[in-house]
Amino acid sequence: MTDSTRASARGAGKRRRLAAAAAAVLHRQGAERTTIADIAAAADVPVGNVYYYFKTKDELVQAALAEHAGNLAELTGELGKLPDPLRRLKALVEAWVAQRDVAARYGCPTGTLAVELDKRAEGGLDLEAGRVIRLLLDWVEHQFRDLGLPDPEDLALTFVGAYQGMSLLANALRDPEIMTRQGARLTRWLDSLDGGGTGARPAP
């Protein structure tokens, strides 16, 4: 490996560390309260070096959203190895419930950021956050479509909306067990679905 290749690899690693740190810090503190110095400290990168990779805090927010999209792709890639779509959806619920303590403290990483960014007068980052949520909706819709259920798009909205709702309430009430109870309810709803769609209409 040449010196330039090693330097390029180090640079890519540092950029990735900054993106991961941005995702974590923004989730804990929100976009408005977070500074570039906060992200640099979390990534163990000197503040002056951050500007070599990201010129503004908004670029770091974009990187955080890309990190969330990457994490979602990694999760759904693993879930895709399961043998059937119903099991994949139930495993997704299990993954959400496993993060109940984090959700109770900070809410959904992408959902809370999307709400905050939507309050900005301009910038378009709210649309970026919406695209990450759309990735989740599209994946869930595909699972319902594979199950042969009618109106898979609406079912996906119900399913993801249930997750956002239980995350919001767990955070607002600081009660992680809301995620546990509502996750179990969501799983029962999934179990009630059948190929004819007779159980598909009631919301979980």
N, C-alpha and C. Protein backbone atom coordinates (compact mmCIF):
# COMPACT_ATOMS: atom_id res chain seq x y z
N MET A 1 0.85 -1.20 0.00
CA MET A 1 0.00 0.00 0.00
C MET A 1 0.88 1.25 0.00
N THR A 2 0.62 2.16 -0.91
CA THR A 2 1.42 3.37 -1.01
C THR A 2 1.03 4.36 0.07
N ASP A 3 1.89 5.38 0.27
CA ASP A 3 1.58 6.41 1.26
C ASP A 3 0.28 7.13 0.92
N SER A 4 0.07 7.42 -0.37
CA SER A 4 -1.15 8.14 -0.77
C SER A 4 -2.40 7.29 -0.53
N THR A 5 -2.28 5.98 -0.75
CA THR A 5 -3.41 5.08 -0.51
C THR A 5 -3.74 5.03 0.98
N ARG A 6 -2.67 4.94 1.80
CA ARG A 6 -2.89 4.93 3.25
C ARG A 6 -3.53 6.23 3.72
N ALA A 7 -3.07 7.35 3.16
CA ALA A 7 -3.63 8.64 3.54
C ALA A 7 -5.10 8.74 3.13
N SER A 8 -5.40 8.21 1.95
CA SER A 8 -6.79 8.22 1.48
C SER A 8 -7.68 7.37 2.38
N ALA A 9 -7.17 6.22 2.79
CA ALA A 9 -7.94 5.33 3.68
C ALA A 9 -8.16 5.99 5.03
N ARG A 10 -7.11 6.67 5.55
CA ARG A 10 -7.26 7.37 6.83
C ARG A 10 -8.30 8.48 6.72
N GLY A 11 -8.26 9.19 5.59
CA GLY A 11 -9.22 10.26 5.37
C GLY A 11 -10.64 9.75 5.30
N ALA A 12 -10.84 8.64 4.60
CA ALA A 12 -12.17 8.05 4.49
C ALA A 12 -12.66 7.58 5.86
N GLY A 13 -11.75 7.01 6.65
CA GLY A 13 -12.11 6.56 7.98
C GLY A 13 -12.50 7.71 8.88
N LYS A 14 -11.77 8.81 8.77
CA LYS A 14 -12.06 9.98 9.61
C LYS A 14 -13.40 10.60 9.21
N ARG A 15 -13.66 10.65 7.90
CA ARG A 15 -14.94 11.18 7.43
C ARG A 15 -16.09 10.32 7.95
N ARG A 16 -15.90 9.01 7.89
CA ARG A 16 -16.95 8.10 8.38
C ARG A 16 -17.15 8.27 9.88
N ARG A 17 -16.07 8.45 10.64
CA ARG A 17 -16.20 8.67 12.08
C ARG A 17 -16.99 9.93 12.37
N LEU A 18 -16.73 10.96 11.60
CA LEU A 18 -17.45 12.22 11.78
C LEU A 18 -18.93 12.06 11.46
N ALA A 19 -19.23 11.32 10.40
CA ALA A 19 -20.63 11.10 10.03
C ALA A 19 -21.35 10.30 11.11
N ALA A 20 -20.69 9.26 11.61
CA ALA A 20 -21.30 8.44 12.68
C ALA A 20 -21.48 9.26 13.95
N ALA A 21 -20.49 10.09 14.27
CA ALA A 21 -20.60 10.93 15.46
C ALA A 21 -21.71 11.96 15.29
N ALA A 22 -21.83 12.52 14.09
CA ALA A 22 -22.90 13.49 13.84
C ALA A 22 -24.26 12.84 14.05
N ALA A 23 -24.43 11.62 13.53
CA ALA A 23 -25.71 10.92 13.69
C ALA A 23 -26.03 10.72 15.17
N ALA A 24 -25.03 10.32 15.95
CA ALA A 24 -25.25 10.05 17.37
C ALA A 24 -25.52 11.33 18.16
N VAL A 25 -24.72 12.35 17.93
CA VAL A 25 -24.86 13.59 18.70
C VAL A 25 -26.15 14.33 18.34
N LEU A 26 -26.48 14.36 17.05
CA LEU A 26 -27.72 15.02 16.63
C LEU A 26 -28.94 14.31 17.22
N HIS A 27 -28.85 13.00 17.35
CA HIS A 27 -29.96 12.26 17.96
C HIS A 27 -30.11 12.65 19.42
N ARG A 28 -29.00 12.79 20.11
CA ARG A 28 -29.07 13.11 21.54
C ARG A 28 -29.44 14.58 21.79
N GLN A 29 -28.90 15.47 20.99
CA GLN A 29 -29.01 16.90 21.29
C GLN A 29 -29.92 17.68 20.35
N GLY A 30 -30.18 17.16 19.17
CA GLY A 30 -30.92 17.91 18.17
C GLY A 30 -30.00 18.79 17.35
N ALA A 31 -30.48 19.21 16.19
CA ALA A 31 -29.63 19.96 15.26
C ALA A 31 -29.29 21.35 15.79
N GLU A 32 -30.24 22.01 16.40
CA GLU A 32 -30.00 23.40 16.82
C GLU A 32 -29.00 23.49 17.97
N ARG A 33 -29.05 22.55 18.89
CA ARG A 33 -28.16 22.60 20.06
C ARG A 33 -26.77 22.06 19.76
N THR A 34 -26.63 21.32 18.69
CA THR A 34 -25.35 20.67 18.40
C THR A 34 -24.42 21.61 17.65
N THR A 35 -23.17 21.63 18.06
CA THR A 35 -22.15 22.43 17.38
C THR A 35 -21.17 21.49 16.66
N ILE A 36 -20.42 22.07 15.75
CA ILE A 36 -19.38 21.29 15.07
C ILE A 36 -18.36 20.78 16.08
N ALA A 37 -18.09 21.58 17.12
CA ALA A 37 -17.15 21.15 18.17
C ALA A 37 -17.67 19.93 18.90
N ASP A 38 -18.99 19.86 19.13
CA ASP A 38 -19.57 18.68 19.79
C ASP A 38 -19.31 17.42 18.96
N ILE A 39 -19.53 17.53 17.67
CA ILE A 39 -19.35 16.38 16.78
C ILE A 39 -17.88 16.00 16.69
N ALA A 40 -17.01 17.01 16.60
CA ALA A 40 -15.57 16.73 16.54
C ALA A 40 -15.11 16.00 17.79
N ALA A 41 -15.60 16.42 18.95
CA ALA A 41 -15.21 15.77 20.20
C ALA A 41 -15.69 14.33 20.24
N ALA A 42 -16.92 14.10 19.79
CA ALA A 42 -17.45 12.74 19.79
C ALA A 42 -16.69 11.83 18.84
N ALA A 43 -16.19 12.40 17.74
CA ALA A 43 -15.44 11.62 16.76
C ALA A 43 -13.96 11.55 17.08
N ASP A 44 -13.54 12.28 18.12
CA ASP A 44 -12.12 12.35 18.48
C ASP A 44 -11.29 12.88 17.32
N VAL A 45 -11.80 13.96 16.73
CA VAL A 45 -11.13 14.63 15.61
C VAL A 45 -10.95 16.10 15.99
N PRO A 46 -9.77 16.68 15.79
CA PRO A 46 -9.59 18.10 16.09
C PRO A 46 -10.59 18.95 15.30
N VAL A 47 -11.14 19.97 15.95
CA VAL A 47 -12.17 20.79 15.31
C VAL A 47 -11.68 21.35 13.98
N GLY A 48 -10.45 21.79 13.94
CA GLY A 48 -9.92 22.36 12.69
C GLY A 48 -9.92 21.38 11.54
N ASN A 49 -9.79 20.09 11.85
CA ASN A 49 -9.77 19.07 10.80
C ASN A 49 -11.14 18.81 10.21
N VAL A 50 -12.18 19.13 10.97
CA VAL A 50 -13.54 18.84 10.49
C VAL A 50 -13.80 19.56 9.17
N TYR A 51 -13.32 20.80 9.07
CA TYR A 51 -13.63 21.62 7.90
C TYR A 51 -12.96 21.10 6.63
N TYR A 52 -12.01 20.20 6.76
CA TYR A 52 -11.41 19.57 5.59
C TYR A 52 -12.43 18.63 4.93
N TYR A 53 -13.35 18.08 5.75
CA TYR A 53 -14.33 17.11 5.25
C TYR A 53 -15.72 17.71 5.10
N PHE A 54 -16.08 18.62 6.01
CA PHE A 54 -17.42 19.21 6.01
C PHE A 54 -17.29 20.70 6.26
N LYS A 55 -17.77 21.50 5.34
CA LYS A 55 -17.59 22.95 5.43
C LYS A 55 -18.56 23.60 6.40
N THR A 56 -19.73 23.02 6.57
CA THR A 56 -20.76 23.62 7.43
C THR A 56 -21.42 22.55 8.29
N LYS A 57 -22.17 23.00 9.28
CA LYS A 57 -22.91 22.05 10.11
C LYS A 57 -23.99 21.36 9.29
N ASP A 58 -24.59 22.07 8.34
CA ASP A 58 -25.61 21.45 7.50
C ASP A 58 -25.04 20.27 6.72
N GLU A 59 -23.79 20.37 6.29
CA GLU A 59 -23.17 19.24 5.60
C GLU A 59 -23.01 18.05 6.55
N LEU A 60 -22.76 18.33 7.80
CA LEU A 60 -22.68 17.27 8.80
C LEU A 60 -24.06 16.66 9.05
N VAL A 61 -25.09 17.49 9.03
CA VAL A 61 -26.46 16.96 9.17
C VAL A 61 -26.78 16.04 7.99
N GLN A 62 -26.39 16.46 6.79
CA GLN A 62 -26.59 15.60 5.62
C GLN A 62 -25.84 14.28 5.78
N ALA A 63 -24.62 14.36 6.29
CA ALA A 63 -23.83 13.15 6.51
C ALA A 63 -24.50 12.25 7.54
N ALA A 64 -25.10 12.86 8.57
CA ALA A 64 -25.80 12.07 9.59
C ALA A 64 -27.00 11.35 8.98
N LEU A 65 -27.73 12.04 8.11
CA LEU A 65 -28.87 11.41 7.46
C LEU A 65 -28.42 10.27 6.55
N ALA A 66 -27.29 10.47 5.87
CA ALA A 66 -26.74 9.39 5.04
C ALA A 66 -26.33 8.21 5.91
N GLU A 67 -25.83 8.51 7.10
CA GLU A 67 -25.46 7.45 8.05
C GLU A 67 -26.71 6.67 8.48
N HIS A 68 -27.79 7.38 8.75
CA HIS A 68 -29.05 6.71 9.11
C HIS A 68 -29.53 5.83 7.95
N ALA A 69 -29.42 6.36 6.72
CA ALA A 69 -29.83 5.57 5.56
C ALA A 69 -28.96 4.32 5.42
N GLY A 70 -27.67 4.47 5.67
CA GLY A 70 -26.77 3.32 5.61
C GLY A 70 -27.08 2.29 6.68
N ASN A 71 -27.38 2.76 7.88
CA ASN A 71 -27.74 1.84 8.97
C ASN A 71 -29.03 1.09 8.65
N LEU A 72 -29.98 1.82 8.04
CA LEU A 72 -31.24 1.18 7.64
C LEU A 72 -31.00 0.13 6.57
N ALA A 73 -30.14 0.46 5.60
CA ALA A 73 -29.83 -0.50 4.54
C ALA A 73 -29.15 -1.75 5.12
N GLU A 74 -28.28 -1.55 6.09
CA GLU A 74 -27.61 -2.69 6.73
C GLU A 74 -28.62 -3.56 7.48
N LEU A 75 -29.54 -2.91 8.21
CA LEU A 75 -30.54 -3.65 8.97
C LEU A 75 -31.47 -4.42 8.03
N THR A 76 -32.00 -3.75 7.02
CA THR A 76 -32.94 -4.42 6.12
C THR A 76 -32.23 -5.48 5.29
N GLY A 77 -30.94 -5.29 5.03
CA GLY A 77 -30.18 -6.33 4.35
C GLY A 77 -30.10 -7.60 5.18
N GLU A 78 -29.89 -7.43 6.49
CA GLU A 78 -29.87 -8.59 7.38
C GLU A 78 -31.25 -9.23 7.48
N LEU A 79 -32.29 -8.38 7.60
CA LEU A 79 -33.64 -8.92 7.69
C LEU A 79 -34.03 -9.65 6.41
N GLY A 80 -33.49 -9.19 5.28
CA GLY A 80 -33.79 -9.82 4.01
C GLY A 80 -33.33 -11.26 3.90
N LYS A 81 -32.43 -11.67 4.80
CA LYS A 81 -31.96 -13.05 4.80
C LYS A 81 -32.97 -14.01 5.43
N LEU A 82 -33.96 -13.44 6.13
CA LEU A 82 -34.99 -14.28 6.73
C LEU A 82 -35.90 -14.84 5.64
N PRO A 83 -36.51 -16.01 5.89
CA PRO A 83 -37.14 -16.74 4.80
C PRO A 83 -38.46 -16.20 4.28
N ASP A 84 -39.16 -15.38 5.06
CA ASP A 84 -40.46 -14.90 4.56
C ASP A 84 -40.70 -13.47 5.05
N PRO A 85 -41.55 -12.73 4.31
CA PRO A 85 -41.75 -11.31 4.62
C PRO A 85 -42.38 -11.04 5.98
N LEU A 86 -43.28 -11.93 6.42
CA LEU A 86 -43.89 -11.72 7.73
C LEU A 86 -42.84 -11.80 8.83
N ARG A 87 -41.95 -12.76 8.72
CA ARG A 87 -40.87 -12.89 9.72
C ARG A 87 -39.96 -11.67 9.67
N ARG A 88 -39.73 -11.14 8.49
CA ARG A 88 -38.88 -9.94 8.37
C ARG A 88 -39.52 -8.75 9.10
N LEU A 89 -40.81 -8.57 8.89
CA LEU A 89 -41.50 -7.46 9.55
C LEU A 89 -41.51 -7.63 11.06
N LYS A 90 -41.74 -8.84 11.54
CA LYS A 90 -41.73 -9.08 12.97
C LYS A 90 -40.34 -8.88 13.56
N ALA A 91 -39.32 -9.26 12.80
CA ALA A 91 -37.95 -9.04 13.27
C ALA A 91 -37.62 -7.55 13.32
N LEU A 92 -38.19 -6.76 12.40
CA LEU A 92 -38.00 -5.31 12.44
C LEU A 92 -38.61 -4.74 13.71
N VAL A 93 -39.80 -5.21 14.08
CA VAL A 93 -40.42 -4.77 15.33
C VAL A 93 -39.51 -5.12 16.51
N GLU A 94 -38.96 -6.33 16.49
CA GLU A 94 -38.05 -6.75 17.57
C GLU A 94 -36.84 -5.82 17.66
N ALA A 95 -36.32 -5.42 16.50
CA ALA A 95 -35.17 -4.50 16.49
C ALA A 95 -35.55 -3.15 17.07
N TRP A 96 -36.74 -2.67 16.77
CA TRP A 96 -37.20 -1.39 17.32
C TRP A 96 -37.35 -1.49 18.85
N VAL A 97 -37.97 -2.57 19.30
CA VAL A 97 -38.19 -2.73 20.75
C VAL A 97 -36.85 -2.87 21.48
N ALA A 98 -35.87 -3.49 20.84
CA ALA A 98 -34.55 -3.65 21.46
C ALA A 98 -33.90 -2.29 21.73
N GLN A 99 -34.33 -1.26 21.00
CA GLN A 99 -33.80 0.09 21.19
C GLN A 99 -34.71 0.95 22.06
N ARG A 100 -35.55 0.30 22.89
CA ARG A 100 -36.56 1.04 23.64
C ARG A 100 -35.98 2.06 24.61
N ASP A 101 -34.85 1.75 25.24
CA ASP A 101 -34.27 2.70 26.20
C ASP A 101 -33.78 3.96 25.48
N VAL A 102 -33.18 3.77 24.32
CA VAL A 102 -32.71 4.92 23.53
C VAL A 102 -33.91 5.73 23.04
N ALA A 103 -34.95 5.04 22.56
CA ALA A 103 -36.14 5.73 22.08
C ALA A 103 -36.80 6.53 23.19
N ALA A 104 -36.86 5.96 24.39
CA ALA A 104 -37.48 6.66 25.51
C ALA A 104 -36.69 7.91 25.89
N ARG A 105 -35.40 7.87 25.68
CA ARG A 105 -34.57 9.03 26.04
C ARG A 105 -34.54 10.08 24.94
N TYR A 106 -34.47 9.63 23.67
CA TYR A 106 -34.22 10.58 22.58
C TYR A 106 -35.23 10.51 21.43
N GLY A 107 -36.10 9.50 21.39
CA GLY A 107 -37.02 9.36 20.27
C GLY A 107 -36.40 8.63 19.09
N CYS A 108 -37.13 8.56 17.99
CA CYS A 108 -36.63 7.93 16.77
C CYS A 108 -35.55 8.82 16.15
N PRO A 109 -34.39 8.28 15.80
CA PRO A 109 -33.30 9.12 15.27
C PRO A 109 -33.70 9.95 14.06
N THR A 110 -34.34 9.32 13.09
CA THR A 110 -34.70 10.04 11.87
C THR A 110 -35.97 10.85 12.06
N GLY A 111 -36.95 10.29 12.76
CA GLY A 111 -38.21 10.99 12.94
C GLY A 111 -38.06 12.30 13.70
N THR A 112 -37.32 12.27 14.80
CA THR A 112 -37.14 13.50 15.59
C THR A 112 -36.36 14.55 14.80
N LEU A 113 -35.37 14.10 14.03
CA LEU A 113 -34.59 15.05 13.22
C LEU A 113 -35.45 15.62 12.11
N ALA A 114 -36.30 14.80 11.50
CA ALA A 114 -37.18 15.28 10.43
C ALA A 114 -38.11 16.37 10.95
N VAL A 115 -38.67 16.16 12.14
CA VAL A 115 -39.58 17.15 12.73
C VAL A 115 -38.85 18.45 13.01
N GLU A 116 -37.64 18.35 13.55
CA GLU A 116 -36.87 19.56 13.86
C GLU A 116 -36.49 20.31 12.59
N LEU A 117 -36.04 19.59 11.59
CA LEU A 117 -35.60 20.24 10.35
C LEU A 117 -36.77 20.87 9.60
N ASP A 118 -37.96 20.31 9.77
CA ASP A 118 -39.14 20.84 9.09
C ASP A 118 -39.48 22.24 9.57
N LYS A 119 -39.02 22.59 10.78
CA LYS A 119 -39.33 23.91 11.33
C LYS A 119 -38.42 25.00 10.77
N ARG A 120 -37.40 24.60 10.03
CA ARG A 120 -36.53 25.60 9.41
C ARG A 120 -37.24 26.27 8.24
N ALA A 121 -36.92 27.54 8.03
CA ALA A 121 -37.55 28.27 6.93
C ALA A 121 -37.04 27.82 5.57
N GLU A 122 -35.81 27.34 5.52
CA GLU A 122 -35.22 26.95 4.23
C GLU A 122 -34.10 25.95 4.48
N GLY A 123 -33.53 25.47 3.39
CA GLY A 123 -32.38 24.58 3.50
C GLY A 123 -32.58 23.23 2.86
N GLY A 124 -33.82 22.72 2.88
CA GLY A 124 -34.11 21.47 2.21
C GLY A 124 -33.68 20.21 2.93
N LEU A 125 -33.09 20.36 4.12
CA LEU A 125 -32.66 19.17 4.85
C LEU A 125 -33.85 18.35 5.34
N ASP A 126 -35.00 19.00 5.51
CA ASP A 126 -36.20 18.25 5.91
C ASP A 126 -36.57 17.24 4.82
N LEU A 127 -36.35 17.62 3.57
CA LEU A 127 -36.62 16.70 2.46
C LEU A 127 -35.66 15.53 2.48
N GLU A 128 -34.41 15.80 2.87
CA GLU A 128 -33.42 14.72 2.99
C GLU A 128 -33.86 13.72 4.06
N ALA A 129 -34.35 14.24 5.18
CA ALA A 129 -34.82 13.36 6.25
C ALA A 129 -36.03 12.56 5.77
N GLY A 130 -36.91 13.21 5.02
CA GLY A 130 -38.07 12.53 4.48
C GLY A 130 -37.69 11.39 3.55
N ARG A 131 -36.59 11.57 2.82
CA ARG A 131 -36.14 10.51 1.91
C ARG A 131 -35.69 9.27 2.67
N VAL A 132 -35.07 9.48 3.84
CA VAL A 132 -34.65 8.33 4.65
C VAL A 132 -35.89 7.57 5.14
N ILE A 133 -36.90 8.30 5.60
CA ILE A 133 -38.12 7.65 6.05
C ILE A 133 -38.81 6.94 4.88
N ARG A 134 -38.74 7.54 3.69
CA ARG A 134 -39.32 6.90 2.51
C ARG A 134 -38.63 5.57 2.20
N LEU A 135 -37.33 5.48 2.45
CA LEU A 135 -36.63 4.21 2.24
C LEU A 135 -37.22 3.11 3.12
N LEU A 136 -37.52 3.47 4.37
CA LEU A 136 -38.14 2.50 5.28
C LEU A 136 -39.53 2.13 4.80
N LEU A 137 -40.33 3.12 4.43
CA LEU A 137 -41.67 2.85 3.96
C LEU A 137 -41.66 1.94 2.73
N ASP A 138 -40.75 2.21 1.81
CA ASP A 138 -40.69 1.41 0.58
C ASP A 138 -40.33 -0.04 0.90
N TRP A 139 -39.39 -0.25 1.84
CA TRP A 139 -39.00 -1.61 2.20
C TRP A 139 -40.17 -2.34 2.84
N VAL A 140 -40.85 -1.66 3.77
CA VAL A 140 -41.99 -2.29 4.45
C VAL A 140 -43.11 -2.58 3.44
N GLU A 141 -43.37 -1.64 2.56
CA GLU A 141 -44.40 -1.86 1.53
C GLU A 141 -44.07 -3.10 0.69
N HIS A 142 -42.80 -3.27 0.36
CA HIS A 142 -42.38 -4.44 -0.42
C HIS A 142 -42.69 -5.73 0.32
N GLN A 143 -42.52 -5.74 1.64
CA GLN A 143 -42.81 -6.94 2.42
C GLN A 143 -44.31 -7.26 2.38
N PHE A 144 -45.15 -6.23 2.56
CA PHE A 144 -46.59 -6.46 2.50
C PHE A 144 -47.01 -6.90 1.09
N ARG A 145 -46.35 -6.35 0.08
CA ARG A 145 -46.67 -6.74 -1.29
C ARG A 145 -46.32 -8.21 -1.50
N ASP A 146 -45.18 -8.64 -0.96
CA ASP A 146 -44.78 -10.04 -1.09
C ASP A 146 -45.73 -10.98 -0.35
N LEU A 147 -46.40 -10.45 0.68
CA LEU A 147 -47.38 -11.26 1.40
C LEU A 147 -48.69 -11.41 0.62
N GLY A 148 -48.83 -10.66 -0.47
CA GLY A 148 -50.03 -10.73 -1.28
C GLY A 148 -51.20 -9.98 -0.71
N LEU A 149 -50.92 -9.03 0.19
CA LEU A 149 -52.00 -8.27 0.83
C LEU A 149 -52.42 -7.09 -0.03
N PRO A 150 -53.70 -6.71 0.03
CA PRO A 150 -54.15 -5.53 -0.71
C PRO A 150 -53.66 -4.25 -0.03
N ASP A 151 -53.53 -3.20 -0.82
CA ASP A 151 -53.14 -1.87 -0.31
C ASP A 151 -51.85 -1.91 0.50
N PRO A 152 -50.78 -2.47 -0.04
CA PRO A 152 -49.53 -2.56 0.73
C PRO A 152 -48.96 -1.20 1.12
N GLU A 153 -49.21 -0.19 0.31
CA GLU A 153 -48.70 1.15 0.65
C GLU A 153 -49.36 1.66 1.93
N ASP A 154 -50.69 1.49 2.01
CA ASP A 154 -51.41 1.93 3.21
C ASP A 154 -50.99 1.12 4.44
N LEU A 155 -50.77 -0.17 4.24
CA LEU A 155 -50.33 -1.01 5.35
C LEU A 155 -48.95 -0.56 5.85
N ALA A 156 -48.09 -0.19 4.91
CA ALA A 156 -46.76 0.29 5.29
C ALA A 156 -46.87 1.58 6.10
N LEU A 157 -47.77 2.48 5.69
CA LEU A 157 -47.97 3.73 6.44
C LEU A 157 -48.47 3.43 7.85
N THR A 158 -49.40 2.47 7.96
CA THR A 158 -49.92 2.09 9.28
C THR A 158 -48.80 1.53 10.16
N PHE A 159 -48.00 0.66 9.58
CA PHE A 159 -46.93 -0.01 10.31
C PHE A 159 -45.86 0.97 10.77
N VAL A 160 -45.35 1.78 9.85
CA VAL A 160 -44.31 2.74 10.21
C VAL A 160 -44.88 3.84 11.10
N GLY A 161 -46.13 4.23 10.86
CA GLY A 161 -46.77 5.22 11.72
C GLY A 161 -46.90 4.72 13.16
N ALA A 162 -47.17 3.43 13.31
CA ALA A 162 -47.24 2.85 14.65
C ALA A 162 -45.89 2.95 15.35
N TYR A 163 -44.83 2.69 14.61
CA TYR A 163 -43.49 2.81 15.19
C TYR A 163 -43.19 4.24 15.60
N GLN A 164 -43.48 5.19 14.71
CA GLN A 164 -43.20 6.59 15.04
C GLN A 164 -44.03 7.03 16.25
N GLY A 165 -45.27 6.56 16.31
CA GLY A 165 -46.13 6.93 17.43
C GLY A 165 -45.62 6.38 18.75
N MET A 166 -45.23 5.11 18.76
CA MET A 166 -44.77 4.54 20.03
C MET A 166 -43.42 5.12 20.44
N SER A 167 -42.59 5.48 19.47
CA SER A 167 -41.32 6.15 19.79
C SER A 167 -41.57 7.52 20.40
N LEU A 168 -42.50 8.25 19.80
CA LEU A 168 -42.83 9.59 20.29
C LEU A 168 -43.37 9.53 21.71
N LEU A 169 -44.31 8.61 21.96
CA LEU A 169 -44.90 8.51 23.30
C LEU A 169 -43.90 8.01 24.33
N ALA A 170 -43.08 7.04 23.94
CA ALA A 170 -42.05 6.56 24.86
C ALA A 170 -41.11 7.69 25.25
N ASN A 171 -40.77 8.54 24.29
CA ASN A 171 -39.89 9.67 24.55
C ASN A 171 -40.59 10.74 25.39
N ALA A 172 -41.82 11.06 25.03
CA ALA A 172 -42.55 12.12 25.74
C ALA A 172 -42.80 11.73 27.19
N LEU A 173 -43.08 10.46 27.42
CA LEU A 173 -43.41 9.99 28.77
C LEU A 173 -42.20 9.36 29.48
N ARG A 174 -41.07 9.30 28.77
CA ARG A 174 -39.85 8.69 29.32
C ARG A 174 -40.13 7.28 29.84
N ASP A 175 -40.86 6.52 29.03
CA ASP A 175 -41.28 5.18 29.45
C ASP A 175 -40.95 4.17 28.36
N PRO A 176 -39.82 3.46 28.46
CA PRO A 176 -39.44 2.49 27.43
C PRO A 176 -40.42 1.33 27.30
N GLU A 177 -41.19 1.05 28.35
CA GLU A 177 -42.11 -0.07 28.28
C GLU A 177 -43.27 0.18 27.31
N ILE A 178 -43.47 1.44 26.95
CA ILE A 178 -44.44 1.72 25.88
C ILE A 178 -44.01 1.03 24.60
N MET A 179 -42.71 1.06 24.32
CA MET A 179 -42.19 0.37 23.13
C MET A 179 -42.44 -1.13 23.24
N THR A 180 -42.23 -1.69 24.42
CA THR A 180 -42.44 -3.13 24.62
C THR A 180 -43.89 -3.51 24.37
N ARG A 181 -44.81 -2.77 25.00
CA ARG A 181 -46.23 -3.12 24.88
C ARG A 181 -46.76 -2.88 23.47
N GLN A 182 -46.41 -1.75 22.91
CA GLN A 182 -46.92 -1.45 21.58
C GLN A 182 -46.23 -2.31 20.51
N GLY A 183 -44.99 -2.68 20.76
CA GLY A 183 -44.32 -3.61 19.84
C GLY A 183 -45.02 -4.95 19.82
N ALA A 184 -45.43 -5.43 21.00
CA ALA A 184 -46.18 -6.70 21.07
C ALA A 184 -47.52 -6.58 20.36
N ARG A 185 -48.15 -5.44 20.51
CA ARG A 185 -49.44 -5.21 19.84
C ARG A 185 -49.24 -5.19 18.32
N LEU A 186 -48.18 -4.56 17.88
CA LEU A 186 -47.89 -4.49 16.45
C LEU A 186 -47.60 -5.88 15.89
N THR A 187 -46.92 -6.70 16.66
CA THR A 187 -46.64 -8.08 16.24
C THR A 187 -47.93 -8.89 16.15
N ARG A 188 -48.82 -8.69 17.09
CA ARG A 188 -50.11 -9.40 17.03
C ARG A 188 -50.91 -8.98 15.81
N TRP A 189 -50.84 -7.71 15.48
CA TRP A 189 -51.51 -7.22 14.27
C TRP A 189 -50.94 -7.90 13.03
N LEU A 190 -49.63 -8.00 12.97
CA LEU A 190 -49.01 -8.69 11.84
C LEU A 190 -49.48 -10.13 11.76
N ASP A 191 -49.57 -10.79 12.92
CA ASP A 191 -50.03 -12.18 12.94
C ASP A 191 -51.47 -12.31 12.48
N SER A 192 -52.25 -11.25 12.62
CA SER A 192 -53.67 -11.31 12.25
C SER A 192 -53.87 -11.17 10.74
N LEU A 193 -52.84 -10.75 10.04
CA LEU A 193 -52.99 -10.55 8.60
C LEU A 193 -53.00 -11.89 7.88
N ASP A 194 -53.74 -11.92 6.76
CA ASP A 194 -53.71 -13.12 5.93
C ASP A 194 -53.69 -12.74 4.46
N GLY A 195 -53.51 -13.70 3.61
CA GLY A 195 -53.41 -13.43 2.18
C GLY A 195 -54.64 -12.79 1.59
N GLY A 196 -55.81 -13.03 2.20
CA GLY A 196 -57.03 -12.43 1.69
C GLY A 196 -57.22 -11.00 2.13
N GLY A 197 -56.40 -10.58 3.10
CA GLY A 197 -56.46 -9.19 3.54
C GLY A 197 -57.59 -8.90 4.52
N THR A 198 -58.28 -9.94 5.05
CA THR A 198 -59.42 -9.68 5.92
C THR A 198 -59.01 -9.05 7.23
N GLY A 199 -57.75 -9.31 7.64
CA GLY A 199 -57.30 -8.71 8.88
C GLY A 199 -56.44 -7.50 8.67
N ALA A 200 -56.40 -6.99 7.43
CA ALA A 200 -55.43 -5.96 7.11
C ALA A 200 -55.92 -4.56 7.41
N ARG A 201 -57.21 -4.39 7.62
CA ARG A 201 -57.72 -3.03 7.73
C ARG A 201 -57.54 -2.40 9.11
N PRO A 202 -57.84 -3.10 10.19
CA PRO A 202 -57.76 -2.42 11.50
C PRO A 202 -56.34 -1.96 11.80
N ALA A 203 -56.24 -0.74 12.30
CA ALA A 203 -54.92 -0.24 12.70
C ALA A 203 -54.45 -0.98 13.93
N PRO A 204 -53.11 -1.15 14.09
CA PRO A 204 -52.60 -1.86 15.27
C PRO A 204 -52.81 -1.07 16.54
